[in-house]
């Protein structure tokens, strides 16, 4: 009942005026500083040095900074870019999202292109979309972390997309990408026998039987599929 009242209030003139007032106040306090930040951030991205990137990380780890600017479009894209970069450096990627463009706008453009390719695969069911995705990944050094994050933020049917991407990557022997898609799928559906068996099978196929065993042990009630994988790799 309360949510209906809130929804109704959001369509009143009073709410609109209040929102405009808050926006004006934000602009008065932060707009000029935002412009300075955007210019400084773009310079650091263009510099591409280790020092510049460490400064960017410190800035985007500042909770007050994020809270102040997260609702603004330009800064929102930069927050996404830096969150992806954080994941990539934790995964020890040699090429990161900060290397795929020479400026903020160029990197943002690549993100938008990737989003539209994923939508093409999801909604248009276009086989050509799969080719576009593979070409885009290879020509732009798109990492599994970047792809995983874009599925998280831009795709409606995440489970269906992750399975489709896994099939695409397995066909191309891109096992690292397939593995990361399945890992994310396991996060979304923990304990799912089919997903865990796919992970175990992938690990076993590259000789990591111990890791395959660990995935199989996560299945609470193993069925025929799990037993088949266990026998296949002797784990």
C-alpha atoms as a PDB file:
ATOM      1  CA  UNK A   1       0.000   0.000   0.000  1.00  0.00           C
ATOM      2  CA  UNK A   2       2.846   2.324   0.911  1.00  0.00           C
ATOM      3  CA  UNK A   3       4.570   1.652  -2.408  1.00  0.00           C
ATOM      4  CA  UNK A   4       1.388   2.651  -4.272  1.00  0.00           C
ATOM      5  CA  UNK A   5       1.355   5.947  -2.373  1.00  0.00           C
ATOM      6  CA  UNK A   6       5.008   6.508  -3.249  1.00  0.00           C
ATOM      7  CA  UNK A   7       4.332   5.720  -6.901  1.00  0.00           C
ATOM      8  CA  UNK A   8       1.416   8.162  -6.932  1.00  0.00           C
ATOM      9  CA  UNK A   9       3.538  10.849  -5.248  1.00  0.00           C
ATOM     10  CA  UNK A  10       6.246  10.452  -7.898  1.00  0.00           C
ATOM     11  CA  UNK A  11       3.707  11.618 -10.498  1.00  0.00           C
ATOM     12  CA  UNK A  12       2.707  14.793  -8.678  1.00  0.00           C
ATOM     13  CA  UNK A  13       3.845  18.309  -9.488  1.00  0.00           C
ATOM     14  CA  UNK A  14       5.205  18.625  -5.950  1.00  0.00           C
ATOM     15  CA  UNK A  15       7.537  15.657  -6.480  1.00  0.00           C
ATOM     16  CA  UNK A  16       8.745  17.011  -9.841  1.00  0.00           C
ATOM     17  CA  UNK A  17       9.472  20.417  -8.320  1.00  0.00           C
ATOM     18  CA  UNK A  18      11.298  18.812  -5.409  1.00  0.00           C
ATOM     19  CA  UNK A  19      13.384  16.729  -7.789  1.00  0.00           C
ATOM     20  CA  UNK A  20      14.246  19.775  -9.908  1.00  0.00           C
ATOM     21  CA  UNK A  21      15.236  21.669  -6.778  1.00  0.00           C
ATOM     22  CA  UNK A  22      17.552  18.853  -5.681  1.00  0.00           C
ATOM     23  CA  UNK A  23      19.104  18.711  -9.160  1.00  0.00           C
ATOM     24  CA  UNK A  24      19.702  22.466  -9.137  1.00  0.00           C
ATOM     25  CA  UNK A  25      21.278  22.238  -5.697  1.00  0.00           C
ATOM     26  CA  UNK A  26      23.513  19.356  -6.826  1.00  0.00           C
ATOM     27  CA  UNK A  27      24.594  21.327  -9.886  1.00  0.00           C
ATOM     28  CA  UNK A  28      25.358  24.362  -7.743  1.00  0.00           C
ATOM     29  CA  UNK A  29      27.547  22.337  -5.392  1.00  0.00           C
ATOM     30  CA  UNK A  30      29.149  19.739  -7.675  1.00  0.00           C
ATOM     31  CA  UNK A  31      28.788  20.491 -11.412  1.00  0.00           C
ATOM     32  CA  UNK A  32      32.026  22.407 -11.829  1.00  0.00           C
ATOM     33  CA  UNK A  33      33.947  19.867  -9.780  1.00  0.00           C
ATOM     34  CA  UNK A  34      32.455  17.072 -11.884  1.00  0.00           C
ATOM     35  CA  UNK A  35      33.819  18.709 -15.049  1.00  0.00           C
ATOM     36  CA  UNK A  36      37.261  18.923 -13.448  1.00  0.00           C
ATOM     37  CA  UNK A  37      37.118  15.267 -12.376  1.00  0.00           C
ATOM     38  CA  UNK A  38      36.056  14.121 -15.859  1.00  0.00           C
ATOM     39  CA  UNK A  39      38.915  16.019 -17.453  1.00  0.00           C
ATOM     40  CA  UNK A  40      41.457  14.671 -14.955  1.00  0.00           C
ATOM     41  CA  UNK A  41      40.188  11.100 -15.318  1.00  0.00           C
ATOM     42  CA  UNK A  42      40.395  11.253 -19.098  1.00  0.00           C
ATOM     43  CA  UNK A  43      43.985  12.527 -18.886  1.00  0.00           C
ATOM     44  CA  UNK A  44      44.944   9.642 -16.606  1.00  0.00           C
ATOM     45  CA  UNK A  45      43.314   7.129 -18.949  1.00  0.00           C
ATOM     46  CA  UNK A  46      45.202   8.640 -21.874  1.00  0.00           C
ATOM     47  CA  UNK A  47      48.471   8.564 -19.896  1.00  0.00           C
ATOM     48  CA  UNK A  48      48.097   4.817 -19.359  1.00  0.00           C
ATOM     49  CA  UNK A  49      50.911   4.645 -16.831  1.00  0.00           C
ATOM     50  CA  UNK A  50      50.904   2.419 -13.754  1.00  0.00           C
ATOM     51  CA  UNK A  51      50.934   5.508 -11.535  1.00  0.00           C
ATOM     52  CA  UNK A  52      47.965   7.078 -13.361  1.00  0.00           C
ATOM     53  CA  UNK A  53      45.956   3.881 -13.071  1.00  0.00           C
ATOM     54  CA  UNK A  54      46.719   3.534  -9.375  1.00  0.00           C
ATOM     55  CA  UNK A  55      45.453   7.089  -8.874  1.00  0.00           C
ATOM     56  CA  UNK A  56      42.254   6.175 -10.722  1.00  0.00           C
ATOM     57  CA  UNK A  57      41.778   3.141  -8.488  1.00  0.00           C
ATOM     58  CA  UNK A  58      42.178   5.240  -5.354  1.00  0.00           C
ATOM     59  CA  UNK A  59      39.651   7.766  -6.633  1.00  0.00           C
ATOM     60  CA  UNK A  60      37.024   5.167  -7.557  1.00  0.00           C
ATOM     61  CA  UNK A  61      37.472   3.329  -4.272  1.00  0.00           C
ATOM     62  CA  UNK A  62      36.426   6.499  -2.456  1.00  0.00           C
ATOM     63  CA  UNK A  63      32.867   5.855  -1.263  1.00  0.00           C
ATOM     64  CA  UNK A  64      32.022   9.554  -0.866  1.00  0.00           C
ATOM     65  CA  UNK A  65      33.120  10.244  -4.440  1.00  0.00           C
ATOM     66  CA  UNK A  66      31.032   7.350  -5.789  1.00  0.00           C
ATOM     67  CA  UNK A  67      27.978   8.372  -3.768  1.00  0.00           C
ATOM     68  CA  UNK A  68      28.182  11.948  -5.061  1.00  0.00           C
ATOM     69  CA  UNK A  69      28.545  11.164  -8.766  1.00  0.00           C
ATOM     70  CA  UNK A  70      27.094   7.691  -9.363  1.00  0.00           C
ATOM     71  CA  UNK A  71      23.765   8.986 -10.734  1.00  0.00           C
ATOM     72  CA  UNK A  72      25.431  11.077 -13.461  1.00  0.00           C
ATOM     73  CA  UNK A  73      25.663   9.385 -16.863  1.00  0.00           C
ATOM     74  CA  UNK A  74      29.274  10.169 -17.710  1.00  0.00           C
ATOM     75  CA  UNK A  75      30.528   9.191 -14.274  1.00  0.00           C
ATOM     76  CA  UNK A  76      28.300   6.109 -14.160  1.00  0.00           C
ATOM     77  CA  UNK A  77      30.079   4.747 -17.239  1.00  0.00           C
ATOM     78  CA  UNK A  78      33.442   5.443 -15.630  1.00  0.00           C
ATOM     79  CA  UNK A  79      32.364   3.626 -12.470  1.00  0.00           C
ATOM     80  CA  UNK A  80      31.502   0.583 -14.598  1.00  0.00           C
ATOM     81  CA  UNK A  81      34.834   0.818 -16.428  1.00  0.00           C
ATOM     82  CA  UNK A  82      36.776   0.937 -13.168  1.00  0.00           C
ATOM     83  CA  UNK A  83      34.791  -1.906 -11.618  1.00  0.00           C
ATOM     84  CA  UNK A  84      35.678  -4.052 -14.622  1.00  0.00           C
ATOM     85  CA  UNK A  85      39.310  -2.928 -14.350  1.00  0.00           C
ATOM     86  CA  UNK A  86      39.372  -3.939 -10.654  1.00  0.00           C
ATOM     87  CA  UNK A  87      38.203  -7.437 -11.588  1.00  0.00           C
ATOM     88  CA  UNK A  88      40.737  -7.708 -14.384  1.00  0.00           C
ATOM     89  CA  UNK A  89      43.737  -6.786 -12.258  1.00  0.00           C
ATOM     90  CA  UNK A  90      42.562  -9.249  -9.582  1.00  0.00           C
ATOM     91  CA  UNK A  91      42.477 -11.908 -12.329  1.00  0.00           C
ATOM     92  CA  UNK A  92      46.000 -10.835 -13.385  1.00  0.00           C
ATOM     93  CA  UNK A  93      44.907  -9.976 -16.927  1.00  0.00           C
ATOM     94  CA  UNK A  94      47.743  -8.618 -19.070  1.00  0.00           C
ATOM     95  CA  UNK A  95      45.395  -6.515 -21.209  1.00  0.00           C
ATOM     96  CA  UNK A  96      42.538  -4.678 -19.480  1.00  0.00           C
ATOM     97  CA  UNK A  97      39.599  -2.477 -20.336  1.00  0.00           C
ATOM     98  CA  UNK A  98      41.848   0.577 -19.947  1.00  0.00           C
ATOM     99  CA  UNK A  99      43.910  -0.704 -22.881  1.00  0.00           C
ATOM    100  CA  UNK A 100      41.065  -1.033 -25.401  1.00  0.00           C
ATOM    101  CA  UNK A 101      40.714   2.716 -25.990  1.00  0.00           C
ATOM    102  CA  UNK A 102      42.834   5.852 -25.856  1.00  0.00           C
ATOM    103  CA  UNK A 103      40.180   7.920 -24.083  1.00  0.00           C
ATOM    104  CA  UNK A 104      37.092   7.661 -21.903  1.00  0.00           C
ATOM    105  CA  UNK A 105      34.837   8.101 -24.932  1.00  0.00           C
ATOM    106  CA  UNK A 106      36.578   5.376 -26.917  1.00  0.00           C
ATOM    107  CA  UNK A 107      36.322   2.867 -24.054  1.00  0.00           C
ATOM    108  CA  UNK A 108      32.691   3.814 -23.438  1.00  0.00           C
ATOM    109  CA  UNK A 109      31.973   3.310 -27.140  1.00  0.00           C
ATOM    110  CA  UNK A 110      33.410  -0.213 -26.954  1.00  0.00           C
ATOM    111  CA  UNK A 111      31.188  -1.005 -23.961  1.00  0.00           C
ATOM    112  CA  UNK A 112      28.115   0.200 -25.831  1.00  0.00           C
ATOM    113  CA  UNK A 113      29.067  -1.837 -28.913  1.00  0.00           C
ATOM    114  CA  UNK A 114      29.464  -4.963 -26.789  1.00  0.00           C
ATOM    115  CA  UNK A 115      26.087  -4.340 -25.164  1.00  0.00           C
ATOM    116  CA  UNK A 116      24.358  -4.078 -28.543  1.00  0.00           C
ATOM    117  CA  UNK A 117      26.030  -7.272 -29.782  1.00  0.00           C
ATOM    118  CA  UNK A 118      24.759  -9.144 -26.709  1.00  0.00           C
ATOM    119  CA  UNK A 119      21.262  -7.736 -27.322  1.00  0.00           C
ATOM    120  CA  UNK A 120      21.494  -8.873 -30.938  1.00  0.00           C
ATOM    121  CA  UNK A 121      22.221 -12.411 -29.741  1.00  0.00           C
ATOM    122  CA  UNK A 122      19.564 -12.328 -27.007  1.00  0.00           C
ATOM    123  CA  UNK A 123      16.632 -10.642 -28.696  1.00  0.00           C
ATOM    124  CA  UNK A 124      17.195 -10.972 -32.447  1.00  0.00           C
ATOM    125  CA  UNK A 125      18.405 -14.599 -32.205  1.00  0.00           C
ATOM    126  CA  UNK A 126      20.739 -13.647 -35.037  1.00  0.00           C
ATOM    127  CA  UNK A 127      23.470 -16.169 -35.889  1.00  0.00           C
ATOM    128  CA  UNK A 128      25.479 -13.287 -37.302  1.00  0.00           C
ATOM    129  CA  UNK A 129      25.548 -11.847 -33.779  1.00  0.00           C
ATOM    130  CA  UNK A 130      27.729 -14.752 -32.650  1.00  0.00           C
ATOM    131  CA  UNK A 131      30.266 -14.011 -35.377  1.00  0.00           C
ATOM    132  CA  UNK A 132      30.186 -10.325 -34.465  1.00  0.00           C
ATOM    133  CA  UNK A 133      30.851 -11.181 -30.829  1.00  0.00           C
ATOM    134  CA  UNK A 134      33.840 -13.405 -31.609  1.00  0.00           C
ATOM    135  CA  UNK A 135      35.315 -10.809 -33.976  1.00  0.00           C
ATOM    136  CA  UNK A 136      34.747  -8.061 -31.402  1.00  0.00           C
ATOM    137  CA  UNK A 137      36.414 -10.058 -28.615  1.00  0.00           C
ATOM    138  CA  UNK A 138      39.435 -10.897 -30.737  1.00  0.00           C
ATOM    139  CA  UNK A 139      39.923  -7.468 -32.303  1.00  0.00           C
ATOM    140  CA  UNK A 140      39.468  -5.525 -29.048  1.00  0.00           C
ATOM    141  CA  UNK A 141      41.070  -7.868 -26.502  1.00  0.00           C
ATOM    142  CA  UNK A 142      37.817  -8.186 -24.554  1.00  0.00           C
ATOM    143  CA  UNK A 143      38.498 -10.093 -21.344  1.00  0.00           C
ATOM    144  CA  UNK A 144      36.187 -12.656 -19.708  1.00  0.00           C
ATOM    145  CA  UNK A 145      35.681 -10.179 -16.850  1.00  0.00           C
ATOM    146  CA  UNK A 146      34.453  -7.459 -19.196  1.00  0.00           C
ATOM    147  CA  UNK A 147      32.106  -9.861 -20.951  1.00  0.00           C
ATOM    148  CA  UNK A 148      30.839 -11.308 -17.671  1.00  0.00           C
ATOM    149  CA  UNK A 149      30.153  -7.833 -16.289  1.00  0.00           C
ATOM    150  CA  UNK A 150      28.235  -6.793 -19.398  1.00  0.00           C
ATOM    151  CA  UNK A 151      26.070  -9.914 -19.179  1.00  0.00           C
ATOM    152  CA  UNK A 152      25.407  -8.988 -15.555  1.00  0.00           C
ATOM    153  CA  UNK A 153      24.347  -5.420 -16.368  1.00  0.00           C
ATOM    154  CA  UNK A 154      22.826  -5.593 -19.864  1.00  0.00           C
ATOM    155  CA  UNK A 155      21.199  -8.997 -20.356  1.00  0.00           C
ATOM    156  CA  UNK A 156      17.677  -9.928 -19.259  1.00  0.00           C
ATOM    157  CA  UNK A 157      17.943 -13.740 -19.402  1.00  0.00           C
ATOM    158  CA  UNK A 158      21.380 -14.107 -17.867  1.00  0.00           C
ATOM    159  CA  UNK A 159      21.225 -17.885 -17.492  1.00  0.00           C
ATOM    160  CA  UNK A 160      20.201 -18.433 -21.104  1.00  0.00           C
ATOM    161  CA  UNK A 161      22.858 -16.035 -22.379  1.00  0.00           C
ATOM    162  CA  UNK A 162      25.611 -17.632 -20.298  1.00  0.00           C
ATOM    163  CA  UNK A 163      24.750 -21.086 -21.634  1.00  0.00           C
ATOM    164  CA  UNK A 164      24.702 -19.755 -25.188  1.00  0.00           C
ATOM    165  CA  UNK A 165      28.043 -18.026 -24.720  1.00  0.00           C
ATOM    166  CA  UNK A 166      29.501 -21.200 -23.222  1.00  0.00           C
ATOM    167  CA  UNK A 167      28.479 -23.144 -26.349  1.00  0.00           C
ATOM    168  CA  UNK A 168      29.972 -20.456 -28.601  1.00  0.00           C
ATOM    169  CA  UNK A 169      33.294 -20.493 -26.753  1.00  0.00           C
ATOM    170  CA  UNK A 170      33.491 -24.283 -26.526  1.00  0.00           C
ATOM    171  CA  UNK A 171      33.038 -24.529 -30.298  1.00  0.00           C
ATOM    172  CA  UNK A 172      35.957 -22.117 -30.721  1.00  0.00           C
ATOM    173  CA  UNK A 173      38.148 -23.862 -28.101  1.00  0.00           C
ATOM    174  CA  UNK A 174      38.055 -20.665 -26.042  1.00  0.00           C
ATOM    175  CA  UNK A 175      38.001 -22.663 -22.822  1.00  0.00           C
ATOM    176  CA  UNK A 176      38.973 -19.824 -20.487  1.00  0.00           C
ATOM    177  CA  UNK A 177      35.979 -17.785 -21.639  1.00  0.00           C
ATOM    178  CA  UNK A 178      33.653 -20.793 -21.434  1.00  0.00           C
ATOM    179  CA  UNK A 179      34.870 -21.534 -17.912  1.00  0.00           C
ATOM    180  CA  UNK A 180      34.237 -17.966 -16.721  1.00  0.00           C
ATOM    181  CA  UNK A 181      30.716 -17.967 -18.147  1.00  0.00           C
ATOM    182  CA  UNK A 182      29.974 -21.219 -16.326  1.00  0.00           C
ATOM    183  CA  UNK A 183      31.488 -19.867 -13.118  1.00  0.00           C
ATOM    184  CA  UNK A 184      29.079 -16.941 -13.230  1.00  0.00           C
ATOM    185  CA  UNK A 185      26.207 -19.289 -14.011  1.00  0.00           C
ATOM    186  CA  UNK A 186      27.155 -21.308 -10.930  1.00  0.00           C
ATOM    187  CA  UNK A 187      26.954 -18.091  -8.881  1.00  0.00           C
ATOM    188  CA  UNK A 188      23.443 -17.469 -10.217  1.00  0.00           C
ATOM    189  CA  UNK A 189      22.288 -21.086  -9.727  1.00  0.00           C
ATOM    190  CA  UNK A 190      24.456 -22.575  -6.965  1.00  0.00           C
ATOM    191  CA  UNK A 191      24.322 -26.340  -6.666  1.00  0.00           C
ATOM    192  CA  UNK A 192      22.830 -26.892 -10.124  1.00  0.00           C
ATOM    193  CA  UNK A 193      23.992 -30.357 -11.203  1.00  0.00           C
ATOM    194  CA  UNK A 194      24.103 -29.592 -14.924  1.00  0.00           C
ATOM    195  CA  UNK A 195      26.235 -26.472 -14.454  1.00  0.00           C
ATOM    196  CA  UNK A 196      28.594 -28.137 -11.982  1.00  0.00           C
ATOM    197  CA  UNK A 197      28.977 -31.112 -14.311  1.00  0.00           C
ATOM    198  CA  UNK A 198      29.785 -28.782 -17.201  1.00  0.00           C
ATOM    199  CA  UNK A 199      32.454 -27.132 -15.058  1.00  0.00           C
ATOM    200  CA  UNK A 200      33.810 -30.507 -13.974  1.00  0.00           C
ATOM    201  CA  UNK A 201      33.841 -31.792 -17.564  1.00  0.00           C
ATOM    202  CA  UNK A 202      35.677 -28.682 -18.740  1.00  0.00           C
ATOM    203  CA  UNK A 203      38.289 -29.031 -15.980  1.00  0.00           C
ATOM    204  CA  UNK A 204      38.722 -32.724 -16.680  1.00  0.00           C
ATOM    205  CA  UNK A 205      39.109 -32.121 -20.417  1.00  0.00           C
ATOM    206  CA  UNK A 206      42.193 -29.957 -19.768  1.00  0.00           C
ATOM    207  CA  UNK A 207      43.674 -32.431 -17.283  1.00  0.00           C
ATOM    208  CA  UNK A 208      42.638 -30.783 -14.015  1.00  0.00           C
ATOM    209  CA  UNK A 209      40.933 -33.805 -12.470  1.00  0.00           C
ATOM    210  CA  UNK A 210      41.284 -32.464  -8.927  1.00  0.00           C
ATOM    211  CA  UNK A 211      39.315 -29.340  -9.805  1.00  0.00           C
ATOM    212  CA  UNK A 212      36.753 -31.516 -11.594  1.00  0.00           C
ATOM    213  CA  UNK A 213      36.373 -33.580  -8.422  1.00  0.00           C
ATOM    214  CA  UNK A 214      35.829 -30.433  -6.343  1.00  0.00           C
ATOM    215  CA  UNK A 215      32.956 -29.334  -8.588  1.00  0.00           C
ATOM    216  CA  UNK A 216      31.341 -32.776  -8.468  1.00  0.00           C
ATOM    217  CA  UNK A 217      31.549 -32.775  -4.676  1.00  0.00           C
ATOM    218  CA  UNK A 218      29.385 -29.641  -4.605  1.00  0.00           C
ATOM    219  CA  UNK A 219      26.436 -31.637  -5.960  1.00  0.00           C
ATOM    220  CA  UNK A 220      24.265 -32.642  -3.024  1.00  0.00           C
ATOM    221  CA  UNK A 221      22.428 -35.484  -4.778  1.00  0.00           C
ATOM    222  CA  UNK A 222      24.492 -36.678  -7.752  1.00  0.00           C
ATOM    223  CA  UNK A 223      22.554 -38.131 -10.657  1.00  0.00           C
ATOM    224  CA  UNK A 224      23.544 -40.068 -13.755  1.00  0.00           C
ATOM    225  CA  UNK A 225      25.217 -37.050 -15.319  1.00  0.00           C
ATOM    226  CA  UNK A 226      27.535 -36.520 -12.354  1.00  0.00           C
ATOM    227  CA  UNK A 227      28.349 -40.229 -12.113  1.00  0.00           C
ATOM    228  CA  UNK A 228      29.175 -40.265 -15.825  1.00  0.00           C
ATOM    229  CA  UNK A 229      31.618 -37.372 -15.418  1.00  0.00           C
ATOM    230  CA  UNK A 230      33.127 -39.023 -12.338  1.00  0.00           C
ATOM    231  CA  UNK A 231      33.791 -42.266 -14.235  1.00  0.00           C
ATOM    232  CA  UNK A 232      35.049 -40.394 -17.303  1.00  0.00           C
ATOM    233  CA  UNK A 233      37.874 -38.710 -15.382  1.00  0.00           C
ATOM    234  CA  UNK A 234      38.314 -41.190 -12.551  1.00  0.00           C
ATOM    235  CA  UNK A 235      37.427 -38.658  -9.883  1.00  0.00           C
END
